[in-house]
């Protein structure tokens, strides 16, 4: 076993700019290209975006997703929030159980799931502390809590300087989704 295989680190791609998921999926593609097993869990997304469609076709890549009510968190009523929390907890546990070492686990938009109270921060932090030694983990999303920032070995903040959405241009297929 090489030194690389014994050292799985934690990456955090955060901020309000475009590119957090794109960076995570690039790393997933790189890992898959080296024959490593990859598990991608998308929180707050349905797993049908362009990158997931192609990554699903690669050997050794598993894509999991959950959007039980298909709404943004600020649009949900209390029942929908409770349903989402149950669904996200199951998704997190399924992804953690499916991840292999050495390999890559991408927890896309998990910061939003944590910030909105859909996941238990302590459960996620416990997993990060106890994960298999050679498992590489990527966390993405806006506004990570301090404890998640401190758990990360890499922290890259993507800052929005300008975005077409501010001019009313919605996410475009093949570019933002």
Protein backbone atom coordinates (compact mmCIF):
# COMPACT_ATOMS: atom_id res chain seq x y z
CA UNK A 1 0.00 0.00 0.00
CA UNK A 2 1.35 3.42 -0.94
CA UNK A 3 1.45 6.32 1.50
CA UNK A 4 -1.38 7.91 -0.53
CA UNK A 5 -3.70 4.95 0.09
CA UNK A 6 -3.25 5.18 3.86
CA UNK A 7 -4.02 8.87 4.16
CA UNK A 8 -7.61 9.84 3.45
CA UNK A 9 -8.20 13.54 4.04
CA UNK A 10 -11.26 15.74 4.35
CA UNK A 11 -11.96 18.42 1.73
CA UNK A 12 -14.40 21.31 2.18
CA UNK A 13 -15.55 23.33 -0.84
CA UNK A 14 -17.71 26.14 0.51
CA UNK A 15 -18.89 29.68 -0.17
CA UNK A 16 -21.52 31.46 -2.21
CA UNK A 17 -19.79 31.14 -5.59
CA UNK A 18 -20.38 28.73 -8.46
CA UNK A 19 -18.10 25.71 -8.61
CA UNK A 20 -18.30 23.80 -5.33
CA UNK A 21 -20.07 20.79 -6.80
CA UNK A 22 -18.05 21.10 -9.99
CA UNK A 23 -14.81 20.82 -8.00
CA UNK A 24 -16.13 17.82 -6.06
CA UNK A 25 -17.23 16.06 -9.24
CA UNK A 26 -13.85 16.73 -10.82
CA UNK A 27 -12.20 14.96 -7.90
CA UNK A 28 -14.73 12.11 -8.25
CA UNK A 29 -13.80 11.79 -11.91
CA UNK A 30 -10.10 11.77 -11.03
CA UNK A 31 -10.57 9.08 -8.37
CA UNK A 32 -12.71 6.93 -10.70
CA UNK A 33 -10.04 7.33 -13.39
CA UNK A 34 -7.55 5.78 -10.97
CA UNK A 35 -9.85 2.86 -10.24
CA UNK A 36 -10.94 4.01 -6.80
CA UNK A 37 -14.51 3.38 -5.70
CA UNK A 38 -16.56 6.59 -5.52
CA UNK A 39 -19.80 7.27 -3.65
CA UNK A 40 -21.58 10.56 -4.29
CA UNK A 41 -24.49 11.57 -2.07
CA UNK A 42 -26.39 14.68 -3.10
CA UNK A 43 -28.41 16.49 -0.47
CA UNK A 44 -30.87 19.16 -1.66
CA UNK A 45 -30.47 17.89 -5.26
CA UNK A 46 -32.17 15.08 -7.11
CA UNK A 47 -29.14 13.37 -8.67
CA UNK A 48 -30.22 14.06 -12.26
CA UNK A 49 -27.87 16.93 -13.02
CA UNK A 50 -25.47 16.49 -15.94
CA UNK A 51 -22.42 15.45 -13.93
CA UNK A 52 -24.35 12.69 -12.13
CA UNK A 53 -25.76 11.32 -15.38
CA UNK A 54 -22.29 10.66 -16.77
CA UNK A 55 -20.60 9.68 -13.50
CA UNK A 56 -23.26 6.98 -12.94
CA UNK A 57 -22.03 5.32 -16.14
CA UNK A 58 -18.49 4.86 -14.83
CA UNK A 59 -17.44 1.60 -13.19
CA UNK A 60 -17.15 1.86 -9.42
CA UNK A 61 -19.21 5.07 -9.11
CA UNK A 62 -22.41 5.14 -7.04
CA UNK A 63 -24.66 8.21 -7.04
CA UNK A 64 -27.29 8.64 -4.32
CA UNK A 65 -29.65 11.60 -3.95
CA UNK A 66 -32.65 12.78 -1.98
CA UNK A 67 -35.10 15.62 -2.43
CA UNK A 68 -38.25 14.23 -0.84
CA UNK A 69 -40.47 17.26 -1.44
CA UNK A 70 -38.57 18.93 -4.29
CA UNK A 71 -38.53 22.37 -2.65
CA UNK A 72 -35.94 24.75 -1.32
CA UNK A 73 -35.72 24.62 2.47
CA UNK A 74 -37.25 28.10 2.87
CA UNK A 75 -40.34 26.92 0.92
CA UNK A 76 -40.99 23.88 3.16
CA UNK A 77 -43.64 23.61 5.84
CA UNK A 78 -42.87 21.83 9.12
CA UNK A 79 -44.10 18.42 7.89
CA UNK A 80 -41.94 18.69 4.77
CA UNK A 81 -38.94 19.72 6.86
CA UNK A 82 -39.44 16.71 9.13
CA UNK A 83 -39.80 14.38 6.12
CA UNK A 84 -36.64 15.85 4.59
CA UNK A 85 -34.69 15.35 7.83
CA UNK A 86 -35.65 11.67 7.97
CA UNK A 87 -34.77 11.20 4.31
CA UNK A 88 -31.41 12.99 4.62
CA UNK A 89 -30.43 11.01 7.72
CA UNK A 90 -31.08 7.79 5.79
CA UNK A 91 -29.14 9.11 2.78
CA UNK A 92 -26.15 10.05 4.95
CA UNK A 93 -26.08 6.64 6.62
CA UNK A 94 -26.43 4.83 3.28
CA UNK A 95 -23.59 6.84 1.76
CA UNK A 96 -21.32 6.35 4.78
CA UNK A 97 -21.98 2.60 4.75
CA UNK A 98 -21.36 2.33 1.00
CA UNK A 99 -18.06 4.25 1.04
CA UNK A 100 -14.98 2.04 0.69
CA UNK A 101 -11.41 2.56 1.76
CA UNK A 102 -9.34 3.55 -0.13
CA UNK A 103 -11.92 5.48 -2.07
CA UNK A 104 -13.80 8.75 -2.26
CA UNK A 105 -17.02 9.86 -0.60
CA UNK A 106 -18.59 13.10 -1.85
CA UNK A 107 -21.25 14.63 0.41
CA UNK A 108 -22.57 17.29 -1.94
CA UNK A 109 -24.53 20.15 -0.35
CA UNK A 110 -24.16 18.60 3.10
CA UNK A 111 -23.36 22.03 4.56
CA UNK A 112 -26.84 23.25 3.58
CA UNK A 113 -28.40 20.10 5.01
CA UNK A 114 -26.59 20.73 8.30
CA UNK A 115 -27.28 24.48 8.41
CA UNK A 116 -30.99 23.89 7.83
CA UNK A 117 -31.17 21.31 10.62
CA UNK A 118 -31.86 18.34 8.32
CA UNK A 119 -28.85 16.40 9.61
CA UNK A 120 -27.27 16.01 13.03
CA UNK A 121 -23.93 17.81 13.03
CA UNK A 122 -22.55 15.56 15.78
CA UNK A 123 -23.34 12.43 13.75
CA UNK A 124 -21.50 13.84 10.74
CA UNK A 125 -18.52 14.94 12.85
CA UNK A 126 -18.37 11.51 14.51
CA UNK A 127 -18.27 9.89 11.07
CA UNK A 128 -15.47 12.23 9.98
CA UNK A 129 -13.45 11.38 13.10
CA UNK A 130 -14.03 7.63 12.80
CA UNK A 131 -13.99 7.19 9.00
CA UNK A 132 -11.69 4.56 7.52
CA UNK A 133 -8.13 5.92 7.43
CA UNK A 134 -7.77 5.77 3.64
CA UNK A 135 -11.22 7.18 2.78
CA UNK A 136 -11.08 10.62 1.16
CA UNK A 137 -14.19 12.71 1.99
CA UNK A 138 -15.46 15.82 0.22
CA UNK A 139 -18.04 18.14 1.79
CA UNK A 140 -19.66 20.96 -0.21
CA UNK A 141 -22.09 23.77 0.37
CA UNK A 142 -22.67 27.26 1.65
CA UNK A 143 -22.12 28.42 5.22
CA UNK A 144 -20.41 25.45 6.88
CA UNK A 145 -20.44 25.55 10.66
CA UNK A 146 -17.18 26.16 12.51
CA UNK A 147 -16.87 22.51 13.61
CA UNK A 148 -17.03 21.31 9.98
CA UNK A 149 -14.43 23.91 8.98
CA UNK A 150 -12.13 22.69 11.75
CA UNK A 151 -12.58 19.04 10.72
CA UNK A 152 -11.42 19.76 7.15
CA UNK A 153 -7.84 19.19 6.03
CA UNK A 154 -8.50 21.26 2.89
CA UNK A 155 -10.82 24.25 2.90
CA UNK A 156 -11.46 26.08 -0.34
CA UNK A 157 -13.86 29.00 -0.31
CA UNK A 158 -15.48 29.92 -3.60
CA UNK A 159 -16.57 33.55 -3.60
CA UNK A 160 -19.21 34.98 -5.90
CA UNK A 161 -18.12 38.22 -7.49
CA UNK A 162 -20.77 38.13 -10.20
CA UNK A 163 -23.39 35.58 -11.24
CA UNK A 164 -25.97 35.58 -14.06
CA UNK A 165 -28.69 34.55 -11.58
CA UNK A 166 -28.47 38.06 -10.15
CA UNK A 167 -29.69 39.31 -13.58
CA UNK A 168 -32.56 36.82 -13.58
CA UNK A 169 -30.84 34.17 -15.72
CA UNK A 170 -31.79 30.76 -14.26
CA UNK A 171 -29.48 27.73 -14.03
CA UNK A 172 -28.74 26.45 -17.53
CA UNK A 173 -28.64 22.79 -18.44
CA UNK A 174 -25.09 21.63 -19.15
CA UNK A 175 -23.52 24.65 -17.43
CA UNK A 176 -24.98 25.05 -13.94
CA UNK A 177 -26.98 21.83 -13.84
